[in-house]
Amino acid sequence: MSKSVAAASGHALWAKMPKANAELFALTYGSLVTELIRDYDSIEEINEQLEKMGYSIGVRCVDEFLAKSEQHGMTVPTCQNLKDTAEVVAKTGFRMFLGISCDVTMAPDGNAFSLFMYENPLALFVELPKTNDMPTAAGGATKKWEDLKYSNLYCGILRGSLEQINLRVSCEYIRDVLQGEEVNEIRVTLREVLQDGAGDDYKEE
């Protein structure tokens, strides 16, 4: 699927999706992250819980994506390789569910890609403290704000949704605007094709 077709599909689906209030969406997610910070002693556990929650969402996203596409008479072409998949995720999936699109850069070997988000609905109104230490429960280990992957939910969503189309991937939040970076970057790496028939471009030589 070309970038233009993927983008047009994303805009069309977004126009037909029911909309949630952006401020409420961001504040609700912020409350969730705050609760995890209170409940877990290590920053790794917080990041892991966000990823797990995202995974649970992601495994349902593909069915929703295909159902809405069919309902509105839109055909999603079969992706022939990881690059096609990345374009659909970035231009159609993100637009349909969040109203934003991402830029995509493929790794030279074709087995990984980066998504660049210049907007992040989850981080609306969010500013992490300048001091590095997080408050902890009595006796808890010191936690560092710089290690928090605030929007790690995305990584789980990507992992869960791609697994539903037989692609086992790992996802990592590489850069975060909340940590002073200019853009949000998520790296997605293909680890395994879960069954035959996904196309020769996916298969390891």
Protein backbone atom coordinates (compact mmCIF):
# COMPACT_ATOMS: atom_id res chain seq x y z
CA MET A 1 0.00 0.00 0.00
CA SER A 2 1.37 3.41 -0.95
CA LYS A 3 1.75 6.20 1.58
CA SER A 4 -0.95 8.27 -0.08
CA VAL A 5 -3.48 5.43 -0.14
CA ALA A 6 -2.74 4.52 3.48
CA ALA A 7 -3.07 8.15 4.54
CA ALA A 8 -6.33 8.62 2.64
CA SER A 9 -7.77 5.46 4.21
CA GLY A 10 -6.74 6.67 7.65
CA HIS A 11 -8.42 10.05 7.18
CA ALA A 12 -11.61 8.43 5.88
CA LEU A 13 -11.84 6.00 8.80
CA TRP A 14 -11.04 8.70 11.36
CA ALA A 15 -13.88 10.82 9.99
CA LYS A 16 -16.34 7.99 10.63
CA MET A 17 -15.07 6.97 14.09
CA PRO A 18 -16.87 8.12 17.26
CA LYS A 19 -14.68 10.71 18.99
CA ALA A 20 -13.64 10.83 22.64
CA ASN A 21 -12.82 14.11 24.33
CA ALA A 22 -9.06 14.57 23.93
CA GLU A 23 -8.58 16.26 27.30
CA LEU A 24 -10.54 13.57 29.16
CA PHE A 25 -8.62 10.85 27.31
CA ALA A 26 -5.26 12.34 28.30
CA LEU A 27 -6.29 12.99 31.92
CA THR A 28 -7.65 9.47 32.32
CA TYR A 29 -4.40 7.99 31.05
CA GLY A 30 -2.43 10.32 33.31
CA SER A 31 -4.42 9.07 36.30
CA LEU A 32 -3.58 5.50 35.31
CA VAL A 33 0.15 6.25 35.14
CA THR A 34 -0.01 8.06 38.48
CA GLU A 35 -1.67 5.06 40.09
CA LEU A 36 1.04 2.74 38.74
CA ILE A 37 3.73 5.03 40.12
CA ARG A 38 2.11 4.74 43.55
CA ASP A 39 1.68 0.97 43.35
CA TYR A 40 5.06 -0.19 42.01
CA ASP A 41 8.51 0.34 43.50
CA SER A 42 10.60 0.01 40.34
CA ILE A 43 10.35 2.03 37.16
CA GLU A 44 10.88 -1.13 35.13
CA GLU A 45 7.69 -2.59 36.62
CA ILE A 46 5.74 0.55 35.74
CA ASN A 47 6.96 0.47 32.14
CA GLU A 48 6.20 -3.26 31.96
CA GLN A 49 2.65 -2.80 33.27
CA LEU A 50 1.95 -0.07 30.70
CA GLU A 51 3.23 -2.35 27.94
CA LYS A 52 1.07 -5.25 29.15
CA MET A 53 -2.02 -3.05 29.23
CA GLY A 54 -1.27 -1.90 25.71
CA TYR A 55 -0.87 -5.50 24.55
CA SER A 56 -4.36 -6.34 25.83
CA ILE A 57 -5.71 -3.42 23.81
CA GLY A 58 -3.66 -4.29 20.73
CA VAL A 59 -4.97 -7.84 20.39
CA ARG A 60 -8.45 -6.34 19.87
CA CYS A 61 -7.44 -3.48 17.59
CA VAL A 62 -7.01 -5.55 14.42
CA ASP A 63 -10.57 -6.91 14.58
CA GLU A 64 -11.87 -3.38 15.14
CA PHE A 65 -9.73 -2.06 12.30
CA LEU A 66 -10.95 -4.68 9.82
CA ALA A 67 -14.57 -4.47 10.96
CA LYS A 68 -14.70 -0.68 10.60
CA SER A 69 -12.99 -0.85 7.22
CA GLU A 70 -15.53 -3.38 5.95
CA GLN A 71 -18.45 -1.51 7.50
CA HIS A 72 -17.51 1.65 5.61
CA GLY A 73 -16.79 -0.14 2.34
CA MET A 74 -13.02 0.27 2.45
CA THR A 75 -10.71 -2.51 1.31
CA VAL A 76 -7.40 -2.86 3.13
CA PRO A 77 -4.90 -4.32 0.60
CA THR A 78 -2.76 -7.26 1.67
CA CYS A 79 0.64 -6.14 2.92
CA GLN A 80 3.42 -7.79 0.95
CA ASN A 81 6.27 -6.99 3.32
CA LEU A 82 7.14 -5.27 6.59
CA LYS A 83 7.39 -1.89 4.87
CA ASP A 84 3.77 -2.15 3.71
CA THR A 85 2.72 -3.13 7.22
CA ALA A 86 4.59 -0.18 8.72
CA GLU A 87 2.84 2.25 6.36
CA VAL A 88 -0.62 0.89 7.24
CA VAL A 89 0.16 1.11 10.96
CA ALA A 90 1.56 4.63 10.70
CA LYS A 91 -0.81 6.23 8.21
CA THR A 92 -4.04 4.29 8.65
CA GLY A 93 -4.03 2.66 12.10
CA PHE A 94 -2.77 5.63 14.11
CA ARG A 95 -5.04 8.00 12.17
CA MET A 96 -8.11 5.80 12.63
CA PHE A 97 -7.76 5.34 16.39
CA LEU A 98 -5.96 8.54 17.49
CA GLY A 99 -6.41 11.07 14.73
CA ILE A 100 -2.67 11.37 14.11
CA SER A 101 -0.25 9.84 11.63
CA CYS A 102 3.40 8.90 11.98
CA ASP A 103 6.43 9.07 9.75
CA VAL A 104 8.15 5.76 9.02
CA THR A 105 11.81 4.90 8.53
CA MET A 106 12.83 1.35 7.64
CA ALA A 107 16.02 -0.27 8.89
CA PRO A 108 18.52 -1.16 6.13
CA ASP A 109 17.90 -4.89 6.55
CA GLY A 110 14.13 -4.44 6.22
CA ASN A 111 13.42 -6.28 9.48
CA ALA A 112 12.71 -3.23 11.64
CA PHE A 113 11.16 0.19 11.36
CA SER A 114 10.83 3.35 13.43
CA LEU A 115 7.62 5.30 13.92
CA PHE A 116 8.06 9.04 14.51
CA MET A 117 5.20 10.79 16.29
CA TYR A 118 5.15 14.57 16.35
CA GLU A 119 1.87 14.57 18.29
CA ASN A 120 1.09 12.41 21.30
CA PRO A 121 -2.52 12.42 22.56
CA LEU A 122 -1.51 10.47 25.68
CA ALA A 123 0.88 13.20 26.79
CA LEU A 124 -1.43 16.18 26.43
CA PHE A 125 -0.85 18.62 29.35
CA VAL A 126 1.93 16.39 30.73
CA GLU A 127 5.23 17.76 31.98
CA LEU A 128 7.55 15.54 33.98
CA PRO A 129 9.23 17.07 37.05
CA LYS A 130 12.67 18.59 36.58
CA THR A 131 13.98 16.81 39.67
CA ASN A 132 14.95 13.25 38.89
CA ASP A 133 13.78 11.37 41.98
CA MET A 134 10.22 10.05 42.13
CA PRO A 135 8.32 9.83 45.41
CA THR A 136 8.28 6.25 46.70
CA ALA A 137 6.57 4.32 49.42
CA ALA A 138 8.46 4.00 52.68
CA GLY A 139 11.43 1.74 52.16
CA GLY A 140 10.94 1.58 48.40
CA ALA A 141 13.78 1.82 45.92
CA THR A 142 14.50 5.21 44.41
CA LYS A 143 12.80 5.71 41.05
CA LYS A 144 14.03 8.04 38.35
CA TRP A 145 11.74 10.15 36.17
CA GLU A 146 14.23 9.90 33.31
CA ASP A 147 13.62 6.13 33.12
CA LEU A 148 9.83 6.43 32.87
CA LYS A 149 8.43 5.50 29.46
CA TYR A 150 5.23 7.44 29.96
CA SER A 151 3.61 6.38 26.68
CA ASN A 152 4.83 2.78 26.74
CA LEU A 153 1.21 1.76 26.19
CA TYR A 154 1.85 2.27 22.47
CA CYS A 155 4.55 -0.42 22.46
CA GLY A 156 2.14 -2.97 23.87
CA ILE A 157 -0.59 -1.98 21.41
CA LEU A 158 1.79 -2.43 18.49
CA ARG A 159 3.07 -5.77 19.78
CA GLY A 160 -0.44 -7.09 20.42
CA SER A 161 -1.93 -5.95 17.13
CA LEU A 162 0.95 -7.20 14.98
CA GLU A 163 0.87 -10.56 16.73
CA GLN A 164 -2.73 -10.93 15.54
CA ILE A 165 -1.46 -10.86 11.95
CA ASN A 166 1.21 -13.46 12.79
CA LEU A 167 4.13 -11.10 13.30
CA ARG A 168 5.96 -11.44 16.59
CA VAL A 169 7.78 -8.18 17.22
CA SER A 170 9.59 -6.33 19.97
CA CYS A 171 8.86 -2.64 20.49
CA GLU A 172 10.91 -0.05 22.31
CA TYR A 173 10.23 3.59 23.06
CA ILE A 174 13.50 5.13 21.85
CA ARG A 175 12.87 8.86 22.14
CA ASP A 176 10.31 10.81 24.12
CA VAL A 177 9.38 14.50 23.88
CA LEU A 178 8.59 14.40 27.61
CA GLN A 179 12.27 13.60 28.21
CA GLY A 180 13.45 16.55 26.15
CA GLU A 181 13.66 14.93 22.71
CA GLU A 182 12.36 16.67 19.60
CA VAL A 183 10.17 13.75 18.52
CA ASN A 184 8.67 10.55 19.88
CA GLU A 185 10.25 7.46 18.31
CA ILE A 186 9.15 3.84 18.65
CA ARG A 187 11.36 1.12 17.19
CA VAL A 188 9.57 -2.05 16.03
CA THR A 189 11.72 -5.10 15.27
CA LEU A 190 10.43 -8.26 13.60
CA ARG A 191 11.41 -11.33 15.62
CA GLU A 192 9.41 -14.14 14.07
CA VAL A 193 6.70 -14.92 11.54
CA LEU A 194 4.28 -17.10 13.45
CA GLN A 195 3.00 -19.14 10.51
CA ASP A 196 3.78 -19.74 6.85
CA GLY A 197 2.07 -17.74 4.19
CA ALA A 198 2.93 -14.20 5.29
CA GLY A 199 4.94 -13.57 2.14
CA ASP A 200 8.49 -14.31 1.08
CA ASP A 201 9.73 -10.85 2.04
CA TYR A 202 9.04 -11.64 5.70
CA LYS A 203 10.97 -14.90 5.76
CA GLU A 204 14.51 -15.12 6.97
CA GLU A 205 17.02 -16.31 4.47
